[in-house]
Amino acid sequence: MTKQRNSSLELIRLICIFFVVAWHTIGPYVNDMTGGNLVATSFIHAISNNTNLLFMLLSGYFGIRFKLDKLIKLDIAIIFYDLLNLFLFTGFSVKGLVTACMPVIFKTHWFVSCYFVIAFLSPFLNKIPEKLSREKFRALLLLLLLLFYIVPTVFFSEIIEDTGKGVVCMSIMYLVGRYLFLYYKDVHFKRSRLALVCLGSMLLSSALNLVLTRLQGVYMSMFVRDNSILVVVAAVSFFLFFREMHFSNRLINHLVPNVVILYCIEGYGRHILANFIDVSRYQGGPLFLPVLLGFAALVLVGCILVNELRRLILGPVDDMLTNFIMKLIQKITLAIRNFGQKLHALALSFLGANN
């Protein structure tokens, strides 16, 4: 009998994408929130901004094994949905067509662009813990966390002004995941204390944001940005909490590989469903939170069904296109390599290099 992978960690991805949908739904209306709904919104924001860190933390924990064909297949699916959106909703334009056909380069979906870059860098990132001792690897992580997470949280000043939504911070979280796998894979923690740390971090960041919001008069999110150390603490404890759970579920295991696609298309799903359910109508009443969460659930289920249908119908086409592109890339790579070698030799000869 084939042993199924532990679904407890896979479930994290589905929880993450649910809260991504929830936050993206209400995000445009945060400055209109008051009272209890503002508090709920701030806490949902604290939860949802763990998601990007958790996605990359999981990638680091399991380790990305660079496979170009899988990235190409993922890119094909994203292009399909972006083109569909272009022709059905936004209206055709040459710029829109170019952007839809190259979503990674033009950062149509910023997290996916970061994921692709880190996937390409993964053979080198994976070498870092192999070449460093545990002490030096830990020192490197502490230094990176200090510069790119603690400093922005304490001083509201970023060395790289991307609020943590970039390759640098995502690479750091990937390395944190590798560290946890290499040195804490068999170390167990009490779930009650992990839950306390996670909940405490999210409540603290949410409360601090509410204080800033009250002082500034507009919604502030400084303490739940992707480069907030409070978000790192919440994400790591959240991850470790679910790691202590052990169960297997075929449905979860089947859906999880498509989470990146869901991340890319949930915006289209929200746009369509918003024609039938206007969440902003409830922002001042007691039904706001249940309507918001229900809306997010409907969007997520709808996107899952659409993507499953696409996989069923266009799966063979994806395989065919992937094989064609792989062969084309191999030929281009060989030509570039040969040209590069000739150019290198020519440059050395011109400069009079002498060994």
Foldseek 3Di string as FASTA:
>chain_A
DDDFDFLLLLVLLVVQLLLVLLLVQCVVPQLVFDDPLNLVNLLSLLVNLLSLLLVLLVCLQVAQDQDVLVLLLVLVLQLVLQVVCAVPPVDDDPVSNVCSNPVLVVVVPLSSVLVVVCSVCRVVLVCVPVPDDLVVLVVVLVVLLVQQAVCCQPVVDHPDPPLCSHNSNSSSSSSVSNSCNVPVVPPADDLVVLVVLLVVLSSVQSVVQVVVCVVVVGRGRSCSGNRYVSSVRNSVSVSRNSSVDGDDDPVSVVQSVCSVVCSSCLVVLSVVCCVPDPLVVCSHDPCNVVSSSVSSVVSSVVSSVVVVVCCVPCVVVSVVVSVVVVVVVVVVVVVVVVVVVVVVVVVCVVVVDDD
